[in-house]
Amino acid sequence: MAAAAEQSAFAMREAAQTAAGLIRAIDETRMEVDAAAAIAHRASDQASNAVQVSETLSGHAKSIESILGLIRD
């Protein structure tokens, strides 16, 4: 009887340690996902900025082309 109780207590300790390890792994994964989401958000912001800059440069290029056309005529 005592041996069975000891085995049961040992199994419960192992289960608790396993659960604690899983909780730590989940927390670490959550932190990594949060960090990846922040990086993705910054990348999205930078891509939006790049699109705006590209559109602005395209507009300037069209203006320059128009001015050069006037000069040539």
N, C-alpha and C. Protein backbone atom coordinates (compact mmCIF):
# COMPACT_ATOMS: atom_id res chain seq x y z
N MET A 1 0.82 -1.19 0.00
CA MET A 1 0.00 0.00 0.00
C MET A 1 0.87 1.26 0.00
N ALA A 2 1.90 1.24 0.85
CA ALA A 2 2.79 2.40 0.92
C ALA A 2 3.52 2.60 -0.40
N ALA A 3 3.90 1.51 -1.03
CA ALA A 3 4.61 1.61 -2.31
C ALA A 3 3.71 2.21 -3.37
N ALA A 4 2.44 1.85 -3.36
CA ALA A 4 1.50 2.40 -4.34
C ALA A 4 1.31 3.89 -4.10
N ALA A 5 1.23 4.29 -2.85
CA ALA A 5 1.07 5.72 -2.52
C ALA A 5 2.31 6.49 -2.95
N GLU A 6 3.47 5.90 -2.74
CA GLU A 6 4.72 6.55 -3.14
C GLU A 6 4.80 6.68 -4.66
N GLN A 7 4.40 5.64 -5.36
CA GLN A 7 4.40 5.70 -6.83
C GLN A 7 3.41 6.76 -7.33
N SER A 8 2.28 6.83 -6.66
CA SER A 8 1.27 7.83 -7.05
C SER A 8 1.80 9.24 -6.81
N ALA A 9 2.44 9.45 -5.67
CA ALA A 9 3.01 10.77 -5.36
C ALA A 9 4.10 11.12 -6.36
N PHE A 10 4.92 10.14 -6.72
CA PHE A 10 5.99 10.37 -7.70
C PHE A 10 5.39 10.74 -9.06
N ALA A 11 4.36 10.02 -9.46
CA ALA A 11 3.70 10.30 -10.74
C ALA A 11 3.09 11.70 -10.74
N MET A 12 2.51 12.09 -9.61
CA MET A 12 1.91 13.43 -9.52
C MET A 12 2.98 14.51 -9.58
N ARG A 13 4.13 14.28 -8.93
CA ARG A 13 5.23 15.25 -9.00
C ARG A 13 5.73 15.38 -10.43
N GLU A 14 5.88 14.25 -11.11
CA GLU A 14 6.32 14.28 -12.51
C GLU A 14 5.31 15.02 -13.39
N ALA A 15 4.04 14.78 -13.15
CA ALA A 15 3.00 15.46 -13.92
C ALA A 15 3.04 16.96 -13.66
N ALA A 16 3.26 17.35 -12.41
CA ALA A 16 3.34 18.77 -12.07
C ALA A 16 4.56 19.41 -12.73
N GLN A 17 5.69 18.71 -12.73
CA GLN A 17 6.89 19.23 -13.38
C GLN A 17 6.68 19.35 -14.88
N THR A 18 6.03 18.37 -15.47
CA THR A 18 5.74 18.42 -16.90
C THR A 18 4.82 19.58 -17.22
N ALA A 19 3.80 19.77 -16.39
CA ALA A 19 2.87 20.89 -16.59
C ALA A 19 3.59 22.22 -16.48
N ALA A 20 4.49 22.33 -15.49
CA ALA A 20 5.25 23.57 -15.33
C ALA A 20 6.12 23.82 -16.55
N GLY A 21 6.73 22.77 -17.07
CA GLY A 21 7.55 22.91 -18.28
C GLY A 21 6.72 23.34 -19.47
N LEU A 22 5.54 22.79 -19.59
CA LEU A 22 4.64 23.18 -20.69
C LEU A 22 4.21 24.64 -20.55
N ILE A 23 3.93 25.06 -19.33
CA ILE A 23 3.55 26.46 -19.10
C ILE A 23 4.69 27.39 -19.50
N ARG A 24 5.92 27.03 -19.13
CA ARG A 24 7.07 27.85 -19.52
C ARG A 24 7.22 27.89 -21.04
N ALA A 25 7.07 26.74 -21.68
CA ALA A 25 7.20 26.68 -23.14
C ALA A 25 6.11 27.52 -23.81
N ILE A 26 4.90 27.46 -23.29
CA ILE A 26 3.81 28.27 -23.85
C ILE A 26 4.09 29.75 -23.67
N ASP A 27 4.57 30.14 -22.49
CA ASP A 27 4.91 31.55 -22.25
C ASP A 27 6.02 32.03 -23.18
N GLU A 28 7.05 31.20 -23.35
CA GLU A 28 8.14 31.57 -24.25
C GLU A 28 7.64 31.70 -25.69
N THR A 29 6.79 30.77 -26.09
CA THR A 29 6.23 30.82 -27.44
C THR A 29 5.38 32.07 -27.63
N ARG A 30 4.58 32.40 -26.62
CA ARG A 30 3.75 33.60 -26.69
C ARG A 30 4.62 34.84 -26.85
N MET A 31 5.71 34.92 -26.08
CA MET A 31 6.61 36.07 -26.18
C MET A 31 7.24 36.15 -27.57
N GLU A 32 7.63 35.00 -28.12
CA GLU A 32 8.22 34.99 -29.46
C GLU A 32 7.20 35.39 -30.52
N VAL A 33 5.97 34.94 -30.37
CA VAL A 33 4.92 35.32 -31.32
C VAL A 33 4.64 36.82 -31.22
N ASP A 34 4.61 37.35 -30.00
CA ASP A 34 4.40 38.79 -29.82
C ASP A 34 5.53 39.58 -30.48
N ALA A 35 6.76 39.12 -30.30
CA ALA A 35 7.90 39.81 -30.91
C ALA A 35 7.82 39.73 -32.43
N ALA A 36 7.46 38.57 -32.95
CA ALA A 36 7.33 38.42 -34.41
C ALA A 36 6.22 39.31 -34.95
N ALA A 37 5.12 39.42 -34.20
CA ALA A 37 4.01 40.29 -34.63
C ALA A 37 4.45 41.74 -34.65
N ALA A 38 5.24 42.15 -33.66
CA ALA A 38 5.73 43.53 -33.63
C ALA A 38 6.65 43.79 -34.83
N ILE A 39 7.51 42.84 -35.14
CA ILE A 39 8.40 42.98 -36.30
C ILE A 39 7.59 43.05 -37.59
N ALA A 40 6.58 42.20 -37.70
CA ALA A 40 5.73 42.21 -38.90
C ALA A 40 5.00 43.54 -39.03
N HIS A 41 4.56 44.09 -37.91
CA HIS A 41 3.86 45.38 -37.93
C HIS A 41 4.81 46.48 -38.40
N ARG A 42 6.03 46.48 -37.86
CA ARG A 42 7.01 47.49 -38.29
C ARG A 42 7.33 47.32 -39.78
N ALA A 43 7.47 46.08 -40.23
CA ALA A 43 7.75 45.84 -41.65
C ALA A 43 6.61 46.34 -42.52
N SER A 44 5.39 46.14 -42.07
CA SER A 44 4.23 46.63 -42.81
C SER A 44 4.23 48.15 -42.88
N ASP A 45 4.55 48.79 -41.76
CA ASP A 45 4.64 50.26 -41.75
C ASP A 45 5.72 50.75 -42.71
N GLN A 46 6.87 50.08 -42.70
CA GLN A 46 7.96 50.48 -43.59
C GLN A 46 7.59 50.25 -45.05
N ALA A 47 6.88 49.17 -45.33
CA ALA A 47 6.44 48.92 -46.70
C ALA A 47 5.46 49.99 -47.16
N SER A 48 4.57 50.40 -46.27
CA SER A 48 3.63 51.48 -46.61
C SER A 48 4.37 52.77 -46.88
N ASN A 49 5.38 53.07 -46.07
CA ASN A 49 6.21 54.26 -46.30
C ASN A 49 6.91 54.17 -47.64
N ALA A 50 7.43 52.99 -47.97
CA ALA A 50 8.13 52.81 -49.24
C ALA A 50 7.19 53.05 -50.41
N VAL A 51 5.96 52.60 -50.30
CA VAL A 51 4.97 52.82 -51.36
C VAL A 51 4.71 54.31 -51.51
N GLN A 52 4.55 55.01 -50.39
CA GLN A 52 4.30 56.46 -50.45
C GLN A 52 5.47 57.20 -51.08
N VAL A 53 6.68 56.82 -50.69
CA VAL A 53 7.87 57.47 -51.26
C VAL A 53 7.95 57.18 -52.75
N SER A 54 7.68 55.95 -53.14
CA SER A 54 7.71 55.58 -54.55
C SER A 54 6.68 56.38 -55.35
N GLU A 55 5.48 56.54 -54.80
CA GLU A 55 4.45 57.32 -55.48
C GLU A 55 4.87 58.79 -55.60
N THR A 56 5.48 59.32 -54.54
CA THR A 56 5.96 60.70 -54.58
C THR A 56 7.04 60.87 -55.63
N LEU A 57 8.00 59.93 -55.65
CA LEU A 57 9.07 60.00 -56.64
C LEU A 57 8.52 59.87 -58.06
N SER A 58 7.52 59.03 -58.24
CA SER A 58 6.90 58.88 -59.55
C SER A 58 6.26 60.20 -59.98
N GLY A 59 5.59 60.85 -59.04
CA GLY A 59 4.99 62.15 -59.34
C GLY A 59 6.03 63.18 -59.71
N HIS A 60 7.15 63.19 -58.98
CA HIS A 60 8.24 64.13 -59.29
C HIS A 60 8.82 63.83 -60.67
N ALA A 61 8.99 62.55 -60.97
CA ALA A 61 9.55 62.17 -62.28
C ALA A 61 8.62 62.65 -63.40
N LYS A 62 7.31 62.53 -63.21
CA LYS A 62 6.37 63.01 -64.22
C LYS A 62 6.45 64.52 -64.37
N SER A 63 6.62 65.23 -63.25
CA SER A 63 6.75 66.69 -63.31
C SER A 63 8.02 67.08 -64.06
N ILE A 64 9.11 66.38 -63.77
CA ILE A 64 10.37 66.67 -64.45
C ILE A 64 10.24 66.38 -65.94
N GLU A 65 9.58 65.27 -66.27
CA GLU A 65 9.37 64.92 -67.67
C GLU A 65 8.55 66.01 -68.37
N SER A 66 7.55 66.51 -67.69
CA SER A 66 6.71 67.57 -68.26
C SER A 66 7.53 68.84 -68.49
N ILE A 67 8.37 69.20 -67.53
CA ILE A 67 9.21 70.40 -67.66
C ILE A 67 10.20 70.22 -68.80
N LEU A 68 10.81 69.03 -68.88
CA LEU A 68 11.75 68.77 -69.97
C LEU A 68 11.05 68.85 -71.32
N GLY A 69 9.81 68.40 -71.38
CA GLY A 69 9.04 68.51 -72.61
C GLY A 69 8.83 69.96 -73.00
N LEU A 70 8.56 70.82 -72.03
CA LEU A 70 8.39 72.25 -72.32
C LEU A 70 9.70 72.87 -72.80
N ILE A 71 10.80 72.46 -72.19
CA ILE A 71 12.10 73.01 -72.57
C ILE A 71 12.45 72.59 -74.00
N ARG A 72 12.15 71.36 -74.35
CA ARG A 72 12.49 70.85 -75.68
C ARG A 72 11.64 71.54 -76.77
N ASP A 73 10.42 71.89 -76.40
CA ASP A 73 9.53 72.49 -77.41
C ASP A 73 9.91 73.90 -77.61
